[in-house]
N, C-alpha and C. Protein backbone atom coordinates (compact mmCIF):
# COMPACT_ATOMS: atom_id res chain seq x y z
N MET A 1 -7.05 -0.92 -28.10
CA MET A 1 -6.02 -0.34 -27.27
C MET A 1 -4.66 -0.80 -27.82
N ARG A 2 -3.75 0.13 -27.92
CA ARG A 2 -2.41 -0.18 -28.42
C ARG A 2 -1.62 -0.96 -27.36
N PRO A 3 -0.70 -1.79 -27.81
CA PRO A 3 0.11 -2.56 -26.86
C PRO A 3 0.84 -1.69 -25.85
N ILE A 4 1.31 -0.54 -26.28
CA ILE A 4 2.03 0.36 -25.36
C ILE A 4 1.11 0.84 -24.25
N GLU A 5 -0.17 1.06 -24.60
CA GLU A 5 -1.14 1.50 -23.59
C GLU A 5 -1.42 0.39 -22.58
N GLU A 6 -1.48 -0.85 -23.07
CA GLU A 6 -1.68 -1.98 -22.17
C GLU A 6 -0.53 -2.13 -21.19
N VAL A 7 0.68 -1.96 -21.69
CA VAL A 7 1.87 -2.05 -20.83
C VAL A 7 1.86 -0.92 -19.81
N GLU A 8 1.47 0.26 -20.21
CA GLU A 8 1.39 1.40 -19.28
C GLU A 8 0.40 1.11 -18.15
N ILE A 9 -0.72 0.50 -18.50
CA ILE A 9 -1.72 0.13 -17.48
C ILE A 9 -1.15 -0.91 -16.54
N GLN A 10 -0.44 -1.90 -17.08
CA GLN A 10 0.18 -2.92 -16.23
C GLN A 10 1.20 -2.31 -15.28
N ILE A 11 1.98 -1.37 -15.78
CA ILE A 11 2.97 -0.70 -14.93
C ILE A 11 2.27 0.07 -13.82
N GLU A 12 1.22 0.80 -14.18
CA GLU A 12 0.47 1.58 -13.18
C GLU A 12 -0.13 0.68 -12.09
N MET A 13 -0.72 -0.43 -12.51
CA MET A 13 -1.32 -1.35 -11.54
C MET A 13 -0.24 -1.96 -10.63
N ALA A 14 0.88 -2.33 -11.21
CA ALA A 14 1.97 -2.90 -10.42
C ALA A 14 2.53 -1.87 -9.44
N GLN A 15 2.61 -0.62 -9.86
CA GLN A 15 3.09 0.44 -8.97
C GLN A 15 2.13 0.67 -7.80
N ARG A 16 0.83 0.53 -8.06
CA ARG A 16 -0.15 0.67 -6.97
C ARG A 16 0.03 -0.44 -5.94
N ILE A 17 0.22 -1.66 -6.42
CA ILE A 17 0.42 -2.80 -5.50
C ILE A 17 1.71 -2.62 -4.72
N ARG A 18 2.75 -2.15 -5.39
CA ARG A 18 4.03 -1.92 -4.72
C ARG A 18 3.89 -0.80 -3.68
N ALA A 19 3.15 0.25 -4.01
CA ALA A 19 2.93 1.35 -3.05
C ALA A 19 2.15 0.85 -1.83
N LEU A 20 1.18 -0.03 -2.05
CA LEU A 20 0.44 -0.61 -0.93
C LEU A 20 1.40 -1.40 -0.04
N ARG A 21 2.28 -2.18 -0.65
CA ARG A 21 3.29 -2.92 0.11
C ARG A 21 4.17 -1.98 0.92
N ASP A 22 4.62 -0.89 0.29
CA ASP A 22 5.49 0.06 0.98
C ASP A 22 4.78 0.70 2.16
N ASN A 23 3.51 1.08 1.96
CA ASN A 23 2.73 1.66 3.06
C ASN A 23 2.50 0.64 4.17
N CYS A 24 2.24 -0.59 3.79
CA CYS A 24 2.04 -1.66 4.77
C CYS A 24 3.31 -1.89 5.57
N ALA A 25 4.46 -1.88 4.89
CA ALA A 25 5.74 -2.07 5.57
C ALA A 25 5.98 -0.94 6.57
N LYS A 26 5.69 0.30 6.18
CA LYS A 26 5.85 1.43 7.09
C LYS A 26 4.94 1.27 8.31
N LEU A 27 3.70 0.89 8.04
CA LEU A 27 2.74 0.70 9.12
C LEU A 27 3.22 -0.38 10.08
N MET A 28 3.68 -1.50 9.53
CA MET A 28 4.10 -2.63 10.36
C MET A 28 5.36 -2.32 11.17
N GLN A 29 6.13 -1.35 10.74
CA GLN A 29 7.34 -0.96 11.47
C GLN A 29 7.03 -0.05 12.66
N SER A 30 5.84 0.53 12.66
CA SER A 30 5.53 1.52 13.71
C SER A 30 5.32 0.85 15.06
N LYS A 31 5.66 1.59 16.09
CA LYS A 31 5.49 1.12 17.47
C LYS A 31 4.02 0.85 17.76
N GLU A 32 3.15 1.71 17.24
CA GLU A 32 1.72 1.55 17.48
C GLU A 32 1.19 0.26 16.86
N PHE A 33 1.63 -0.06 15.65
CA PHE A 33 1.19 -1.30 15.01
C PHE A 33 1.65 -2.50 15.83
N LYS A 34 2.90 -2.46 16.23
CA LYS A 34 3.44 -3.58 17.01
C LYS A 34 2.67 -3.74 18.32
N ASP A 35 2.34 -2.63 18.96
CA ASP A 35 1.62 -2.68 20.23
C ASP A 35 0.17 -3.12 20.05
N VAL A 36 -0.53 -2.50 19.12
CA VAL A 36 -1.97 -2.75 18.96
C VAL A 36 -2.24 -4.05 18.20
N ILE A 37 -1.60 -4.21 17.06
CA ILE A 37 -1.93 -5.35 16.20
C ILE A 37 -1.13 -6.60 16.57
N GLU A 38 0.19 -6.49 16.58
CA GLU A 38 0.99 -7.68 16.84
C GLU A 38 0.80 -8.23 18.25
N GLU A 39 0.90 -7.36 19.23
CA GLU A 39 0.77 -7.82 20.63
C GLU A 39 -0.69 -7.95 21.04
N GLY A 40 -1.45 -6.87 20.82
CA GLY A 40 -2.83 -6.85 21.30
C GLY A 40 -3.77 -7.77 20.55
N TYR A 41 -3.64 -7.83 19.24
CA TYR A 41 -4.59 -8.61 18.43
C TYR A 41 -4.06 -9.99 18.09
N PHE A 42 -2.88 -10.05 17.45
CA PHE A 42 -2.37 -11.35 17.02
C PHE A 42 -2.01 -12.27 18.19
N LYS A 43 -1.61 -11.71 19.31
CA LYS A 43 -1.22 -12.56 20.43
C LYS A 43 -2.29 -12.61 21.53
N GLU A 44 -2.57 -11.46 22.14
CA GLU A 44 -3.47 -11.44 23.29
C GLU A 44 -4.91 -11.80 22.92
N GLU A 45 -5.42 -11.18 21.88
CA GLU A 45 -6.80 -11.47 21.47
C GLU A 45 -6.93 -12.91 20.98
N ALA A 46 -5.94 -13.36 20.22
CA ALA A 46 -5.98 -14.74 19.74
C ALA A 46 -5.99 -15.72 20.92
N ALA A 47 -5.15 -15.47 21.91
CA ALA A 47 -5.11 -16.34 23.10
C ALA A 47 -6.43 -16.28 23.85
N ARG A 48 -7.00 -15.09 23.99
CA ARG A 48 -8.27 -14.94 24.69
C ARG A 48 -9.37 -15.73 23.99
N LEU A 49 -9.39 -15.65 22.68
CA LEU A 49 -10.41 -16.36 21.91
C LEU A 49 -10.26 -17.88 22.05
N VAL A 50 -9.03 -18.36 22.02
CA VAL A 50 -8.82 -19.80 22.19
C VAL A 50 -9.26 -20.25 23.58
N MET A 51 -8.97 -19.46 24.58
CA MET A 51 -9.40 -19.79 25.95
C MET A 51 -10.92 -19.73 26.06
N ALA A 52 -11.54 -18.74 25.42
CA ALA A 52 -12.99 -18.62 25.47
C ALA A 52 -13.66 -19.82 24.81
N LYS A 53 -13.02 -20.36 23.83
CA LYS A 53 -13.58 -21.52 23.11
C LYS A 53 -13.72 -22.73 24.04
N SER A 54 -12.89 -22.79 25.06
CA SER A 54 -12.94 -23.94 25.97
C SER A 54 -14.01 -23.80 27.05
N SER A 55 -14.63 -22.63 27.14
CA SER A 55 -15.68 -22.46 28.15
C SER A 55 -17.02 -22.96 27.60
N PHE A 56 -17.97 -23.11 28.48
CA PHE A 56 -19.29 -23.62 28.09
C PHE A 56 -20.03 -22.57 27.27
N MET A 57 -20.40 -22.95 26.04
CA MET A 57 -21.13 -22.05 25.15
C MET A 57 -22.10 -22.86 24.29
N ASN A 58 -23.09 -22.14 23.79
CA ASN A 58 -23.99 -22.80 22.83
C ASN A 58 -23.33 -22.78 21.45
N ASP A 59 -23.96 -23.43 20.50
CA ASP A 59 -23.37 -23.56 19.16
C ASP A 59 -23.16 -22.22 18.47
N ASP A 60 -24.09 -21.29 18.63
CA ASP A 60 -23.96 -19.97 18.01
C ASP A 60 -22.76 -19.21 18.57
N GLN A 61 -22.58 -19.29 19.87
CA GLN A 61 -21.44 -18.62 20.49
C GLN A 61 -20.12 -19.24 20.04
N LYS A 62 -20.10 -20.57 19.93
CA LYS A 62 -18.89 -21.25 19.45
C LYS A 62 -18.57 -20.82 18.02
N GLN A 63 -19.61 -20.71 17.19
CA GLN A 63 -19.40 -20.29 15.80
C GLN A 63 -18.87 -18.87 15.75
N LEU A 64 -19.39 -17.99 16.60
CA LEU A 64 -18.90 -16.62 16.65
C LEU A 64 -17.42 -16.58 17.03
N ILE A 65 -17.05 -17.36 18.04
CA ILE A 65 -15.64 -17.42 18.45
C ILE A 65 -14.77 -17.96 17.30
N ASP A 66 -15.24 -19.00 16.63
CA ASP A 66 -14.50 -19.54 15.49
C ASP A 66 -14.29 -18.48 14.42
N ASN A 67 -15.34 -17.75 14.11
CA ASN A 67 -15.23 -16.69 13.10
C ASN A 67 -14.23 -15.62 13.52
N MET A 68 -14.23 -15.27 14.79
CA MET A 68 -13.28 -14.28 15.28
C MET A 68 -11.85 -14.80 15.20
N ILE A 69 -11.66 -16.07 15.48
CA ILE A 69 -10.32 -16.67 15.37
C ILE A 69 -9.88 -16.65 13.91
N TYR A 70 -10.80 -17.00 13.00
CA TYR A 70 -10.47 -16.97 11.58
C TYR A 70 -10.09 -15.54 11.15
N GLY A 71 -10.74 -14.55 11.75
CA GLY A 71 -10.44 -13.16 11.42
C GLY A 71 -9.01 -12.78 11.76
N VAL A 72 -8.52 -13.27 12.89
CA VAL A 72 -7.13 -12.99 13.28
C VAL A 72 -6.20 -13.54 12.20
N GLY A 73 -6.42 -14.78 11.82
CA GLY A 73 -5.59 -15.40 10.79
C GLY A 73 -5.73 -14.73 9.44
N ALA A 74 -6.94 -14.32 9.12
CA ALA A 74 -7.18 -13.69 7.82
C ALA A 74 -6.43 -12.37 7.70
N LEU A 75 -6.41 -11.57 8.76
CA LEU A 75 -5.67 -10.31 8.71
C LEU A 75 -4.18 -10.58 8.56
N LYS A 76 -3.65 -11.51 9.31
CA LYS A 76 -2.23 -11.86 9.22
C LYS A 76 -1.90 -12.33 7.80
N ASN A 77 -2.73 -13.20 7.24
CA ASN A 77 -2.50 -13.69 5.88
C ASN A 77 -2.57 -12.57 4.85
N TRP A 78 -3.51 -11.65 5.03
CA TRP A 78 -3.65 -10.55 4.08
C TRP A 78 -2.41 -9.66 4.10
N LEU A 79 -1.92 -9.34 5.30
CA LEU A 79 -0.72 -8.51 5.41
C LEU A 79 0.46 -9.20 4.73
N GLU A 80 0.61 -10.48 4.95
CA GLU A 80 1.70 -11.23 4.32
C GLU A 80 1.55 -11.25 2.81
N SER A 81 0.32 -11.39 2.32
CA SER A 81 0.11 -11.42 0.86
C SER A 81 0.39 -10.05 0.23
N VAL A 82 0.07 -8.97 0.93
CA VAL A 82 0.37 -7.63 0.43
C VAL A 82 1.89 -7.48 0.27
N MET A 83 2.62 -7.93 1.27
CA MET A 83 4.09 -7.84 1.21
C MET A 83 4.64 -8.71 0.08
N ARG A 84 4.13 -9.90 -0.06
CA ARG A 84 4.61 -10.82 -1.10
C ARG A 84 4.28 -10.29 -2.50
N ARG A 85 3.05 -9.83 -2.68
CA ARG A 85 2.65 -9.31 -4.00
C ARG A 85 3.44 -8.06 -4.37
N GLY A 86 3.72 -7.22 -3.38
CA GLY A 86 4.54 -6.03 -3.64
C GLY A 86 5.93 -6.40 -4.11
N ASP A 87 6.50 -7.42 -3.48
CA ASP A 87 7.83 -7.90 -3.89
C ASP A 87 7.78 -8.43 -5.32
N GLU A 88 6.73 -9.15 -5.65
CA GLU A 88 6.58 -9.68 -7.01
C GLU A 88 6.46 -8.54 -8.02
N MET A 89 5.84 -7.44 -7.62
CA MET A 89 5.65 -6.32 -8.53
C MET A 89 6.96 -5.61 -8.84
N ASP A 90 7.93 -5.67 -7.92
CA ASP A 90 9.24 -5.08 -8.21
C ASP A 90 9.81 -5.70 -9.48
N GLN A 91 9.74 -7.01 -9.58
CA GLN A 91 10.25 -7.71 -10.76
C GLN A 91 9.35 -7.47 -11.97
N ALA A 92 8.05 -7.47 -11.74
CA ALA A 92 7.12 -7.27 -12.85
C ALA A 92 7.31 -5.90 -13.49
N ILE A 93 7.52 -4.89 -12.68
CA ILE A 93 7.69 -3.53 -13.21
C ILE A 93 8.92 -3.47 -14.10
N GLU A 94 9.99 -4.12 -13.68
CA GLU A 94 11.19 -4.14 -14.51
C GLU A 94 10.89 -4.74 -15.89
N GLY A 95 10.18 -5.86 -15.89
CA GLY A 95 9.82 -6.50 -17.15
C GLY A 95 8.92 -5.64 -18.01
N HIS A 96 7.93 -5.00 -17.38
CA HIS A 96 7.00 -4.15 -18.12
C HIS A 96 7.72 -2.93 -18.70
N GLU A 97 8.64 -2.37 -17.92
CA GLU A 97 9.37 -1.20 -18.41
C GLU A 97 10.26 -1.57 -19.60
N LYS A 98 10.85 -2.74 -19.54
CA LYS A 98 11.66 -3.22 -20.67
C LYS A 98 10.78 -3.40 -21.90
N THR A 99 9.62 -4.00 -21.71
CA THR A 99 8.68 -4.17 -22.82
C THR A 99 8.26 -2.83 -23.39
N ARG A 100 7.99 -1.87 -22.52
CA ARG A 100 7.60 -0.52 -22.97
C ARG A 100 8.69 0.10 -23.83
N GLU A 101 9.93 -0.02 -23.38
CA GLU A 101 11.05 0.53 -24.15
C GLU A 101 11.14 -0.12 -25.53
N GLU A 102 10.96 -1.45 -25.58
CA GLU A 102 11.01 -2.15 -26.85
C GLU A 102 9.89 -1.69 -27.78
N LEU A 103 8.70 -1.52 -27.22
CA LEU A 103 7.56 -1.05 -28.04
C LEU A 103 7.79 0.36 -28.54
N LEU A 104 8.36 1.21 -27.69
CA LEU A 104 8.63 2.57 -28.12
C LEU A 104 9.68 2.58 -29.22
N GLN A 105 10.68 1.73 -29.12
CA GLN A 105 11.71 1.67 -30.17
C GLN A 105 11.11 1.18 -31.49
N GLU A 106 10.19 0.22 -31.39
CA GLU A 106 9.53 -0.27 -32.60
C GLU A 106 8.71 0.83 -33.27
N GLU A 107 8.05 1.66 -32.45
CA GLU A 107 7.25 2.76 -33.01
C GLU A 107 8.14 3.79 -33.70
N VAL A 108 9.31 4.03 -33.13
CA VAL A 108 10.23 5.01 -33.71
C VAL A 108 10.75 4.50 -35.05
N LEU A 109 11.00 3.20 -35.13
CA LEU A 109 11.54 2.62 -36.36
C LEU A 109 10.50 2.50 -37.46
N GLN A 110 9.25 2.54 -37.14
CA GLN A 110 8.20 2.38 -38.16
C GLN A 110 7.87 3.66 -38.84
């Protein structure tokens, strides 16, 4: 594979990650997301699970509650990582595009 093709693939992959970030940002801005996920899941469900953990349960039930609590955190972490990776791709795309231009100029000169 030629270096220019590798750079093109890197640009395409970075654009996909950035598009995911943009879609995630749009989703997170919506009233429905705020109502269902932020209020209903991240706050109310998380509080319900913590309260349920304090009630009398067997070990299997406690483990299930723990897993559900971890799920709340995992979704929040994933959303944050999508946003962070998308921001990183903004800079990466600039670098890849500069590299592509340099490679194209080298091909023209050869």
